[in-house]
Amino acid sequence: MEKNKKPSLPQQIEAKLAEVLDPELGISIVDLGLVYGVSVTKNGRAKVTMTLTTMGCPMFGVIEKQIEDVLMTIPEIEDVKTEITFDPPWDPSKMSESAKAELGFE
């Protein structure tokens, strides 16, 4: 990437989502493999499709608020919606190598 070139919107979103930590594990939701997809409409509405490590996770509200807070710092984003899916279900194979190492999965 050129020195003074601004990161693309998808790059900015990915970087911001990497700042969101699972409140119980202290690891990024991106590294945990919880984020399945992100889309943004032309009018700045971001939709994050994600899963949780378990159904009924009581921490979803905290994670959802963190996602909204970090993405709303991006000037092009006007609104954020987080959608939960359990298809496919989460499993430890979705974690990054660093998250696996941190949690002792290696």
PDB file of N, CA and C in Angstrom:
ATOM      1  N   MET A   1       0.850  -1.179   0.000  1.00  0.00           N
ATOM      2  CA  MET A   1       0.000   0.000   0.000  1.00  0.00           C
ATOM      3  C   MET A   1       0.892   1.237   0.000  1.00  0.00           C
ATOM      4  N   GLU A   2       0.510   2.251  -0.763  1.00  0.00           N
ATOM      5  CA  GLU A   2       1.267   3.494  -0.791  1.00  0.00           C
ATOM      6  C   GLU A   2       1.237   4.148   0.584  1.00  0.00           C
ATOM      7  N   LYS A   3       2.312   4.904   0.870  1.00  0.00           N
ATOM      8  CA  LYS A   3       2.443   5.501   2.200  1.00  0.00           C
ATOM      9  C   LYS A   3       1.265   6.368   2.622  1.00  0.00           C
ATOM     10  N   ASN A   4       0.809   7.239   1.756  1.00  0.00           N
ATOM     11  CA  ASN A   4      -0.235   8.194   2.123  1.00  0.00           C
ATOM     12  C   ASN A   4      -1.628   7.769   1.668  1.00  0.00           C
ATOM     13  N   LYS A   5      -1.741   6.571   1.139  1.00  0.00           N
ATOM     14  CA  LYS A   5      -3.037   6.117   0.654  1.00  0.00           C
ATOM     15  C   LYS A   5      -3.896   5.640   1.821  1.00  0.00           C
ATOM     16  N   LYS A   6      -5.137   6.127   1.867  1.00  0.00           N
ATOM     17  CA  LYS A   6      -6.083   5.747   2.917  1.00  0.00           C
ATOM     18  C   LYS A   6      -6.532   4.300   2.675  1.00  0.00           C
ATOM     19  N   PRO A   7      -6.629   3.496   3.738  1.00  0.00           N
ATOM     20  CA  PRO A   7      -7.120   2.121   3.563  1.00  0.00           C
ATOM     21  C   PRO A   7      -8.541   2.125   2.989  1.00  0.00           C
ATOM     22  N   SER A   8      -8.869   1.077   2.229  1.00  0.00           N
ATOM     23  CA  SER A   8     -10.215   0.964   1.665  1.00  0.00           C
ATOM     24  C   SER A   8     -11.219   0.788   2.800  1.00  0.00           C
ATOM     25  N   LEU A   9     -12.486   1.013   2.497  1.00  0.00           N
ATOM     26  CA  LEU A   9     -13.533   0.864   3.508  1.00  0.00           C
ATOM     27  C   LEU A   9     -13.544  -0.558   4.091  1.00  0.00           C
ATOM     28  N   PRO A  10     -13.465  -1.615   3.261  1.00  0.00           N
ATOM     29  CA  PRO A  10     -13.408  -2.959   3.858  1.00  0.00           C
ATOM     30  C   PRO A  10     -12.195  -3.147   4.775  1.00  0.00           C
ATOM     31  N   GLN A  11     -11.043  -2.573   4.409  1.00  0.00           N
ATOM     32  CA  GLN A  11      -9.850  -2.665   5.264  1.00  0.00           C
ATOM     33  C   GLN A  11     -10.066  -1.929   6.584  1.00  0.00           C
ATOM     34  N   GLN A  12     -10.702  -0.765   6.508  1.00  0.00           N
ATOM     35  CA  GLN A  12     -10.980  -0.007   7.729  1.00  0.00           C
ATOM     36  C   GLN A  12     -11.929  -0.780   8.646  1.00  0.00           C
ATOM     37  N   ILE A  13     -12.965  -1.379   8.058  1.00  0.00           N
ATOM     38  CA  ILE A  13     -13.936  -2.142   8.842  1.00  0.00           C
ATOM     39  C   ILE A  13     -13.263  -3.340   9.495  1.00  0.00           C
ATOM     40  N   GLU A  14     -12.455  -4.067   8.733  1.00  0.00           N
ATOM     41  CA  GLU A  14     -11.769  -5.237   9.294  1.00  0.00           C
ATOM     42  C   GLU A  14     -10.864  -4.830  10.450  1.00  0.00           C
ATOM     43  N   ALA A  15     -10.136  -3.734  10.277  1.00  0.00           N
ATOM     44  CA  ALA A  15      -9.248  -3.263  11.340  1.00  0.00           C
ATOM     45  C   ALA A  15     -10.033  -2.875  12.589  1.00  0.00           C
ATOM     46  N   LYS A  16     -11.169  -2.217  12.405  1.00  0.00           N
ATOM     47  CA  LYS A  16     -11.987  -1.819  13.552  1.00  0.00           C
ATOM     48  C   LYS A  16     -12.603  -3.031  14.247  1.00  0.00           C
ATOM     49  N   LEU A  17     -13.070  -4.006  13.474  1.00  0.00           N
ATOM     50  CA  LEU A  17     -13.656  -5.201  14.079  1.00  0.00           C
ATOM     51  C   LEU A  17     -12.608  -5.996  14.863  1.00  0.00           C
ATOM     52  N   ALA A  18     -11.365  -5.922  14.426  1.00  0.00           N
ATOM     53  CA  ALA A  18     -10.280  -6.613  15.140  1.00  0.00           C
ATOM     54  C   ALA A  18     -10.042  -6.002  16.522  1.00  0.00           C
ATOM     55  N   GLU A  19     -10.543  -4.790  16.740  1.00  0.00           N
ATOM     56  CA  GLU A  19     -10.420  -4.131  18.044  1.00  0.00           C
ATOM     57  C   GLU A  19     -11.475  -4.627  19.042  1.00  0.00           C
ATOM     58  N   VAL A  20     -12.522  -5.274  18.536  1.00  0.00           N
ATOM     59  CA  VAL A  20     -13.614  -5.744  19.398  1.00  0.00           C
ATOM     60  C   VAL A  20     -13.189  -7.055  20.050  1.00  0.00           C
ATOM     61  N   LEU A  21     -13.123  -7.043  21.372  1.00  0.00           N
ATOM     62  CA  LEU A  21     -12.693  -8.232  22.104  1.00  0.00           C
ATOM     63  C   LEU A  21     -13.878  -8.974  22.706  1.00  0.00           C
ATOM     64  N   ASP A  22     -13.800 -10.291  22.661  1.00  0.00           N
ATOM     65  CA  ASP A  22     -14.778 -11.094  23.368  1.00  0.00           C
ATOM     66  C   ASP A  22     -14.593 -10.791  24.850  1.00  0.00           C
ATOM     67  N   PRO A  23     -15.648 -10.344  25.550  1.00  0.00           N
ATOM     68  CA  PRO A  23     -15.501  -9.920  26.946  1.00  0.00           C
ATOM     69  C   PRO A  23     -15.023 -11.012  27.899  1.00  0.00           C
ATOM     70  N   GLU A  24     -15.310 -12.255  27.569  1.00  0.00           N
ATOM     71  CA  GLU A  24     -14.900 -13.342  28.460  1.00  0.00           C
ATOM     72  C   GLU A  24     -13.500 -13.857  28.154  1.00  0.00           C
ATOM     73  N   LEU A  25     -13.133 -13.863  26.880  1.00  0.00           N
ATOM     74  CA  LEU A  25     -11.846 -14.437  26.487  1.00  0.00           C
ATOM     75  C   LEU A  25     -10.754 -13.392  26.280  1.00  0.00           C
ATOM     76  N   GLY A  26     -11.152 -12.129  26.035  1.00  0.00           N
ATOM     77  CA  GLY A  26     -10.159 -11.081  25.804  1.00  0.00           C
ATOM     78  C   GLY A  26      -9.436 -11.213  24.488  1.00  0.00           C
ATOM     79  N   ILE A  27     -10.058 -11.888  23.526  1.00  0.00           N
ATOM     80  CA  ILE A  27      -9.481 -12.091  22.194  1.00  0.00           C
ATOM     81  C   ILE A  27     -10.430 -11.482  21.173  1.00  0.00           C
ATOM     82  N   SER A  28      -9.866 -10.922  20.124  1.00  0.00           N
ATOM     83  CA  SER A  28     -10.636 -10.282  19.067  1.00  0.00           C
ATOM     84  C   SER A  28     -11.684 -11.229  18.478  1.00  0.00           C
ATOM     85  N   ILE A  29     -12.870 -10.678  18.191  1.00  0.00           N
ATOM     86  CA  ILE A  29     -13.916 -11.480  17.560  1.00  0.00           C
ATOM     87  C   ILE A  29     -13.486 -11.937  16.167  1.00  0.00           C
ATOM     88  N   VAL A  30     -12.596 -11.176  15.530  1.00  0.00           N
ATOM     89  CA  VAL A  30     -12.070 -11.575  14.217  1.00  0.00           C
ATOM     90  C   VAL A  30     -11.161 -12.788  14.391  1.00  0.00           C
ATOM     91  N   ASP A  31     -10.227 -12.724  15.357  1.00  0.00           N
ATOM     92  CA  ASP A  31      -9.323 -13.852  15.595  1.00  0.00           C
ATOM     93  C   ASP A  31     -10.062 -15.093  16.075  1.00  0.00           C
ATOM     94  N   LEU A  32     -11.159 -14.903  16.764  1.00  0.00           N
ATOM     95  CA  LEU A  32     -11.956 -16.053  17.206  1.00  0.00           C
ATOM     96  C   LEU A  32     -12.747 -16.687  16.056  1.00  0.00           C
ATOM     97  N   GLY A  33     -12.820 -15.990  14.922  1.00  0.00           N
ATOM     98  CA  GLY A  33     -13.563 -16.516  13.782  1.00  0.00           C
ATOM     99  C   GLY A  33     -15.056 -16.332  13.910  1.00  0.00           C
ATOM    100  N   LEU A  34     -15.468 -15.336  14.690  1.00  0.00           N
ATOM    101  CA  LEU A  34     -16.898 -15.109  14.913  1.00  0.00           C
ATOM    102  C   LEU A  34     -17.543 -14.270  13.813  1.00  0.00           C
ATOM    103  N   VAL A  35     -16.740 -13.491  13.078  1.00  0.00           N
ATOM    104  CA  VAL A  35     -17.283 -12.626  12.025  1.00  0.00           C
ATOM    105  C   VAL A  35     -17.342 -13.429  10.721  1.00  0.00           C
ATOM    106  N   TYR A  36     -18.554 -13.610  10.210  1.00  0.00           N
ATOM    107  CA  TYR A  36     -18.743 -14.373   8.979  1.00  0.00           C
ATOM    108  C   TYR A  36     -18.799 -13.485   7.742  1.00  0.00           C
ATOM    109  N   GLY A  37     -19.175 -12.227   7.915  1.00  0.00           N
ATOM    110  CA  GLY A  37     -19.244 -11.346   6.758  1.00  0.00           C
ATOM    111  C   GLY A  37     -19.660  -9.943   7.134  1.00  0.00           C
ATOM    112  N   VAL A  38     -19.299  -9.004   6.241  1.00  0.00           N
ATOM    113  CA  VAL A  38     -19.665  -7.603   6.426  1.00  0.00           C
ATOM    114  C   VAL A  38     -20.082  -7.061   5.069  1.00  0.00           C
ATOM    115  N   SER A  39     -21.166  -6.310   5.062  1.00  0.00           N
ATOM    116  CA  SER A  39     -21.573  -5.628   3.837  1.00  0.00           C
ATOM    117  C   SER A  39     -21.904  -4.180   4.185  1.00  0.00           C
ATOM    118  N   VAL A  40     -21.725  -3.313   3.209  1.00  0.00           N
ATOM    119  CA  VAL A  40     -22.024  -1.887   3.400  1.00  0.00           C
ATOM    120  C   VAL A  40     -22.788  -1.408   2.179  1.00  0.00           C
ATOM    121  N   THR A  41     -23.921  -0.747   2.414  1.00  0.00           N
ATOM    122  CA  THR A  41     -24.690  -0.178   1.309  1.00  0.00           C
ATOM    123  C   THR A  41     -24.073   1.153   0.896  1.00  0.00           C
ATOM    124  N   LYS A  42     -24.500   1.652  -0.242  1.00  0.00           N
ATOM    125  CA  LYS A  42     -23.988   2.936  -0.736  1.00  0.00           C
ATOM    126  C   LYS A  42     -24.301   4.091   0.214  1.00  0.00           C
ATOM    127  N   ASN A  43     -25.381   3.957   1.003  1.00  0.00           N
ATOM    128  CA  ASN A  43     -25.737   5.034   1.933  1.00  0.00           C
ATOM    129  C   ASN A  43     -25.117   4.828   3.318  1.00  0.00           C
ATOM    130  N   GLY A  44     -24.102   3.947   3.404  1.00  0.00           N
ATOM    131  CA  GLY A  44     -23.339   3.832   4.640  1.00  0.00           C
ATOM    132  C   GLY A  44     -23.896   2.937   5.725  1.00  0.00           C
ATOM    133  N   ARG A  45     -24.784   2.034   5.358  1.00  0.00           N
ATOM    134  CA  ARG A  45     -25.325   1.090   6.355  1.00  0.00           C
ATOM    135  C   ARG A  45     -24.477  -0.178   6.360  1.00  0.00           C
ATOM    136  N   ALA A  46     -23.833  -0.421   7.472  1.00  0.00           N
ATOM    137  CA  ALA A  46     -22.994  -1.612   7.606  1.00  0.00           C
ATOM    138  C   ALA A  46     -23.788  -2.727   8.265  1.00  0.00           C
ATOM    139  N   LYS A  47     -23.637  -3.928   7.726  1.00  0.00           N
ATOM    140  CA  LYS A  47     -24.268  -5.107   8.321  1.00  0.00           C
ATOM    141  C   LYS A  47     -23.158  -6.114   8.599  1.00  0.00           C
ATOM    142  N   VAL A  48     -23.037  -6.488   9.866  1.00  0.00           N
ATOM    143  CA  VAL A  48     -22.053  -7.473  10.283  1.00  0.00           C
ATOM    144  C   VAL A  48     -22.796  -8.769  10.591  1.00  0.00           C
ATOM    145  N   THR A  49     -22.433  -9.825   9.882  1.00  0.00           N
ATOM    146  CA  THR A  49     -23.010 -11.139  10.143  1.00  0.00           C
ATOM    147  C   THR A  49     -21.980 -11.916  10.946  1.00  0.00           C
ATOM    148  N   MET A  50     -22.407 -12.376  12.097  1.00  0.00           N
ATOM    149  CA  MET A  50     -21.472 -13.070  12.978  1.00  0.00           C
ATOM    150  C   MET A  50     -22.171 -14.192  13.718  1.00  0.00           C
ATOM    151  N   THR A  51     -21.379 -14.945  14.428  1.00  0.00           N
ATOM    152  CA  THR A  51     -21.909 -16.003  15.272  1.00  0.00           C
ATOM    153  C   THR A  51     -21.350 -15.827  16.671  1.00  0.00           C
ATOM    154  N   LEU A  52     -21.726 -16.697  17.546  1.00  0.00           N
ATOM    155  CA  LEU A  52     -21.224 -16.699  18.916  1.00  0.00           C
ATOM    156  C   LEU A  52     -20.657 -18.077  19.207  1.00  0.00           C
ATOM    157  N   THR A  53     -19.814 -18.178  20.205  1.00  0.00           N
ATOM    158  CA  THR A  53     -19.232 -19.482  20.533  1.00  0.00           C
ATOM    159  C   THR A  53     -20.289 -20.447  21.050  1.00  0.00           C
ATOM    160  N   THR A  54     -21.344 -19.909  21.667  1.00  0.00           N
ATOM    161  CA  THR A  54     -22.449 -20.746  22.133  1.00  0.00           C
ATOM    162  C   THR A  54     -23.771 -20.016  21.916  1.00  0.00           C
ATOM    163  N   MET A  55     -24.828 -20.780  21.665  1.00  0.00           N
ATOM    164  CA  MET A  55     -26.159 -20.175  21.556  1.00  0.00           C
ATOM    165  C   MET A  55     -26.533 -19.598  22.913  1.00  0.00           C
ATOM    166  N   GLY A  56     -27.196 -18.475  22.895  1.00  0.00           N
ATOM    167  CA  GLY A  56     -27.636 -17.857  24.139  1.00  0.00           C
ATOM    168  C   GLY A  56     -26.524 -17.196  24.924  1.00  0.00           C
ATOM    169  N   CYS A  57     -25.412 -16.916  24.258  1.00  0.00           N
ATOM    170  CA  CYS A  57     -24.282 -16.267  24.929  1.00  0.00           C
ATOM    171  C   CYS A  57     -24.759 -14.955  25.548  1.00  0.00           C
ATOM    172  N   PRO A  58     -24.584 -14.779  26.855  1.00  0.00           N
ATOM    173  CA  PRO A  58     -25.071 -13.574  27.515  1.00  0.00           C
ATOM    174  C   PRO A  58     -24.264 -12.316  27.176  1.00  0.00           C
ATOM    175  N   MET A  59     -23.146 -12.473  26.489  1.00  0.00           N
ATOM    176  CA  MET A  59     -22.281 -11.340  26.177  1.00  0.00           C
ATOM    177  C   MET A  59     -22.588 -10.687  24.837  1.00  0.00           C
ATOM    178  N   PHE A  60     -23.589 -11.201  24.104  1.00  0.00           N
ATOM    179  CA  PHE A  60     -23.868 -10.646  22.785  1.00  0.00           C
ATOM    180  C   PHE A  60     -24.149  -9.149  22.823  1.00  0.00           C
ATOM    181  N   GLY A  61     -24.923  -8.688  23.775  1.00  0.00           N
ATOM    182  CA  GLY A  61     -25.246  -7.261  23.859  1.00  0.00           C
ATOM    183  C   GLY A  61     -23.996  -6.400  23.996  1.00  0.00           C
ATOM    184  N   VAL A  62     -23.034  -6.881  24.766  1.00  0.00           N
ATOM    185  CA  VAL A  62     -21.771  -6.148  24.960  1.00  0.00           C
ATOM    186  C   VAL A  62     -20.997  -6.118  23.646  1.00  0.00           C
ATOM    187  N   ILE A  63     -20.907  -7.267  22.975  1.00  0.00           N
ATOM    188  CA  ILE A  63     -20.188  -7.347  21.699  1.00  0.00           C
ATOM    189  C   ILE A  63     -20.861  -6.476  20.648  1.00  0.00           C
ATOM    190  N   GLU A  64     -22.182  -6.541  20.581  1.00  0.00           N
ATOM    191  CA  GLU A  64     -22.938  -5.749  19.602  1.00  0.00           C
ATOM    192  C   GLU A  64     -22.675  -4.255  19.801  1.00  0.00           C
ATOM    193  N   LYS A  65     -22.662  -3.797  21.033  1.00  0.00           N
ATOM    194  CA  LYS A  65     -22.405  -2.377  21.334  1.00  0.00           C
ATOM    195  C   LYS A  65     -20.987  -1.994  20.933  1.00  0.00           C
ATOM    196  N   GLN A  66     -20.024  -2.864  21.211  1.00  0.00           N
ATOM    197  CA  GLN A  66     -18.639  -2.588  20.820  1.00  0.00           C
ATOM    198  C   GLN A  66     -18.514  -2.474  19.301  1.00  0.00           C
ATOM    199  N   ILE A  67     -19.175  -3.373  18.570  1.00  0.00           N
ATOM    200  CA  ILE A  67     -19.141  -3.343  17.103  1.00  0.00           C
ATOM    201  C   ILE A  67     -19.695  -2.016  16.612  1.00  0.00           C
ATOM    202  N   GLU A  68     -20.838  -1.627  17.132  1.00  0.00           N
ATOM    203  CA  GLU A  68     -21.443  -0.353  16.720  1.00  0.00           C
ATOM    204  C   GLU A  68     -20.521   0.818  17.037  1.00  0.00           C
ATOM    205  N   ASP A  69     -19.964   0.825  18.241  1.00  0.00           N
ATOM    206  CA  ASP A  69     -19.096   1.936  18.644  1.00  0.00           C
ATOM    207  C   ASP A  69     -17.875   2.069  17.744  1.00  0.00           C
ATOM    208  N   VAL A  70     -17.202   0.954  17.437  1.00  0.00           N
ATOM    209  CA  VAL A  70     -15.978   1.069  16.628  1.00  0.00           C
ATOM    210  C   VAL A  70     -16.279   1.386  15.170  1.00  0.00           C
ATOM    211  N   LEU A  71     -17.354   0.798  14.624  1.00  0.00           N
ATOM    212  CA  LEU A  71     -17.647   1.067  13.214  1.00  0.00           C
ATOM    213  C   LEU A  71     -18.181   2.470  12.988  1.00  0.00           C
ATOM    214  N   MET A  72     -18.872   3.022  13.967  1.00  0.00           N
ATOM    215  CA  MET A  72     -19.388   4.389  13.810  1.00  0.00           C
ATOM    216  C   MET A  72     -18.274   5.438  13.833  1.00  0.00           C
ATOM    217  N   THR A  73     -17.049   5.042  14.151  1.00  0.00           N
ATOM    218  CA  THR A  73     -15.927   5.989  14.080  1.00  0.00           C
ATOM    219  C   THR A  73     -15.429   6.148  12.646  1.00  0.00           C
ATOM    220  N   ILE A  74     -15.886   5.306  11.739  1.00  0.00           N
ATOM    221  CA  ILE A  74     -15.518   5.409  10.323  1.00  0.00           C
ATOM    222  C   ILE A  74     -16.476   6.404   9.674  1.00  0.00           C
ATOM    223  N   PRO A  75     -15.952   7.495   9.112  1.00  0.00           N
ATOM    224  CA  PRO A  75     -16.825   8.554   8.572  1.00  0.00           C
ATOM    225  C   PRO A  75     -17.867   8.079   7.548  1.00  0.00           C
ATOM    226  N   GLU A  76     -17.533   7.076   6.754  1.00  0.00           N
ATOM    227  CA  GLU A  76     -18.468   6.602   5.717  1.00  0.00           C
ATOM    228  C   GLU A  76     -19.617   5.775   6.271  1.00  0.00           C
ATOM    229  N   ILE A  77     -19.541   5.354   7.520  1.00  0.00           N
ATOM    230  CA  ILE A  77     -20.581   4.507   8.118  1.00  0.00           C
ATOM    231  C   ILE A  77     -21.619   5.369   8.822  1.00  0.00           C
ATOM    232  N   GLU A  78     -22.881   5.171   8.436  1.00  0.00           N
ATOM    233  CA  GLU A  78     -23.992   5.938   8.999  1.00  0.00           C
ATOM    234  C   GLU A  78     -24.815   5.129  10.001  1.00  0.00           C
ATOM    235  N   ASP A  79     -24.808   3.808   9.845  1.00  0.00           N
ATOM    236  CA  ASP A  79     -25.639   2.952  10.683  1.00  0.00           C
ATOM    237  C   ASP A  79     -25.001   1.571  10.719  1.00  0.00           C
ATOM    238  N   VAL A  80     -25.186   0.851  11.819  1.00  0.00           N
ATOM    239  CA  VAL A  80     -24.610  -0.484  11.970  1.00  0.00           C
ATOM    240  C   VAL A  80     -25.688  -1.444  12.461  1.00  0.00           C
ATOM    241  N   LYS A  81     -25.778  -2.594  11.806  1.00  0.00           N
ATOM    242  CA  LYS A  81     -26.693  -3.650  12.235  1.00  0.00           C
ATOM    243  C   LYS A  81     -25.858  -4.917  12.379  1.00  0.00           C
ATOM    244  N   THR A  82     -26.031  -5.601  13.488  1.00  0.00           N
ATOM    245  CA  THR A  82     -25.333  -6.868  13.707  1.00  0.00           C
ATOM    246  C   THR A  82     -26.354  -7.987  13.668  1.00  0.00           C
ATOM    247  N   GLU A  83     -26.096  -8.960  12.810  1.00  0.00           N
ATOM    248  CA  GLU A  83     -27.004 -10.090  12.652  1.00  0.00           C
ATOM    249  C   GLU A  83     -26.296 -11.351  13.126  1.00  0.00           C
ATOM    250  N   ILE A  84     -26.979 -12.107  13.971  1.00  0.00           N
ATOM    251  CA  ILE A  84     -26.428 -13.354  14.499  1.00  0.00           C
ATOM    252  C   ILE A  84     -26.924 -14.529  13.655  1.00  0.00           C
ATOM    253  N   THR A  85     -26.009 -15.443  13.363  1.00  0.00           N
ATOM    254  CA  THR A  85     -26.371 -16.683  12.695  1.00  0.00           C
ATOM    255  C   THR A  85     -25.632 -17.830  13.378  1.00  0.00           C
ATOM    256  N   PHE A  86     -26.230 -18.979  13.343  1.00  0.00           N
ATOM    257  CA  PHE A  86     -25.558 -20.173  13.854  1.00  0.00           C
ATOM    258  C   PHE A  86     -25.391 -21.190  12.732  1.00  0.00           C
ATOM    259  N   ASP A  87     -25.414 -20.684  11.500  1.00  0.00           N
ATOM    260  CA  ASP A  87     -25.245 -21.529  10.327  1.00  0.00           C
ATOM    261  C   ASP A  87     -24.145 -20.946   9.455  1.00  0.00           C
ATOM    262  N   PRO A  88     -22.976 -21.511   9.438  1.00  0.00           N
ATOM    263  CA  PRO A  88     -22.577 -22.730  10.138  1.00  0.00           C
ATOM    264  C   PRO A  88     -22.269 -22.447  11.605  1.00  0.00           C
ATOM    265  N   PRO A  89     -22.403 -23.479  12.427  1.00  0.00           N
ATOM    266  CA  PRO A  89     -22.079 -23.291  13.842  1.00  0.00           C
ATOM    267  C   PRO A  89     -20.586 -23.022  14.023  1.00  0.00           C
ATOM    268  N   TRP A  90     -20.260 -22.253  15.039  1.00  0.00           N
ATOM    269  CA  TRP A  90     -18.862 -21.952  15.334  1.00  0.00           C
ATOM    270  C   TRP A  90     -18.184 -23.185  15.926  1.00  0.00           C
ATOM    271  N   ASP A  91     -16.909 -23.344  15.596  1.00  0.00           N
ATOM    272  CA  ASP A  91     -16.085 -24.343  16.270  1.00  0.00           C
ATOM    273  C   ASP A  91     -14.650 -23.807  16.282  1.00  0.00           C
ATOM    274  N   PRO A  92     -13.796 -24.362  17.122  1.00  0.00           N
ATOM    275  CA  PRO A  92     -12.437 -23.818  17.279  1.00  0.00           C
ATOM    276  C   PRO A  92     -11.604 -23.766  16.000  1.00  0.00           C
ATOM    277  N   SER A  93     -11.960 -24.543  14.975  1.00  0.00           N
ATOM    278  CA  SER A  93     -11.191 -24.514  13.727  1.00  0.00           C
ATOM    279  C   SER A  93     -11.300 -23.156  13.026  1.00  0.00           C
ATOM    280  N   LYS A  94     -12.278 -22.345  13.385  1.00  0.00           N
ATOM    281  CA  LYS A  94     -12.471 -21.028  12.758  1.00  0.00           C
ATOM    282  C   LYS A  94     -11.533 -19.960  13.333  1.00  0.00           C
ATOM    283  N   MET A  95     -10.836 -20.284  14.425  1.00  0.00           N
ATOM    284  CA  MET A  95      -9.944 -19.317  15.078  1.00  0.00           C
ATOM    285  C   MET A  95      -8.643 -19.146  14.292  1.00  0.00           C
ATOM    286  N   SER A  96      -8.053 -17.958  14.423  1.00  0.00           N
ATOM    287  CA  SER A  96      -6.742 -17.716  13.840  1.00  0.00           C
ATOM    288  C   SER A  96      -5.708 -18.534  14.618  1.00  0.00           C
ATOM    289  N   GLU A  97      -4.543 -18.697  14.025  1.00  0.00           N
ATOM    290  CA  GLU A  97      -3.491 -19.463  14.697  1.00  0.00           C
ATOM    291  C   GLU A  97      -3.095 -18.803  16.020  1.00  0.00           C
ATOM    292  N   SER A  98      -3.066 -17.454  16.033  1.00  0.00           N
ATOM    293  CA  SER A  98      -2.670 -16.765  17.266  1.00  0.00           C
ATOM    294  C   SER A  98      -3.715 -16.974  18.364  1.00  0.00           C
ATOM    295  N   ALA A  99      -4.993 -16.975  18.001  1.00  0.00           N
ATOM    296  CA  ALA A  99      -6.043 -17.208  19.011  1.00  0.00           C
ATOM    297  C   ALA A  99      -5.966 -18.636  19.533  1.00  0.00           C
ATOM    298  N   LYS A 100      -5.724 -19.596  18.634  1.00  0.00           N
ATOM    299  CA  LYS A 100      -5.585 -20.982  19.059  1.00  0.00           C
ATOM    300  C   LYS A 100      -4.425 -21.128  20.042  1.00  0.00           C
ATOM    301  N   ALA A 101      -3.312 -20.487  19.726  1.00  0.00           N
ATOM    302  CA  ALA A 101      -2.133 -20.566  20.596  1.00  0.00           C
ATOM    303  C   ALA A 101      -2.432 -19.940  21.943  1.00  0.00           C
ATOM    304  N   GLU A 102      -3.092 -18.781  21.933  1.00  0.00           N
ATOM    305  CA  GLU A 102      -3.395 -18.080  23.178  1.00  0.00           C
ATOM    306  C   GLU A 102      -4.317 -18.891  24.089  1.00  0.00           C
ATOM    307  N   LEU A 103      -5.222 -19.651  23.469  1.00  0.00           N
ATOM    308  CA  LEU A 103      -6.175 -20.442  24.244  1.00  0.00           C
ATOM    309  C   LEU A 103      -5.706 -21.891  24.468  1.00  0.00           C
ATOM    310  N   GLY A 104      -4.504 -22.199  23.983  1.00  0.00           N
ATOM    311  CA  GLY A 104      -3.949 -23.532  24.211  1.00  0.00           C
ATOM    312  C   GLY A 104      -4.524 -24.621  23.339  1.00  0.00           C
ATOM    313  N   PHE A 105      -4.962 -24.267  22.114  1.00  0.00           N
ATOM    314  CA  PHE A 105      -5.520 -25.256  21.189  1.00  0.00           C
ATOM    315  C   PHE A 105      -4.465 -25.899  20.318  1.00  0.00           C
ATOM    316  N   GLU A 106      -3.199 -25.545  20.494  1.00  0.00           N
ATOM    317  CA  GLU A 106      -2.153 -26.126  19.646  1.00  0.00           C
ATOM    318  C   GLU A 106      -1.264 -27.027  20.428  1.00  0.00           C
TER     319      GLU A 106
END
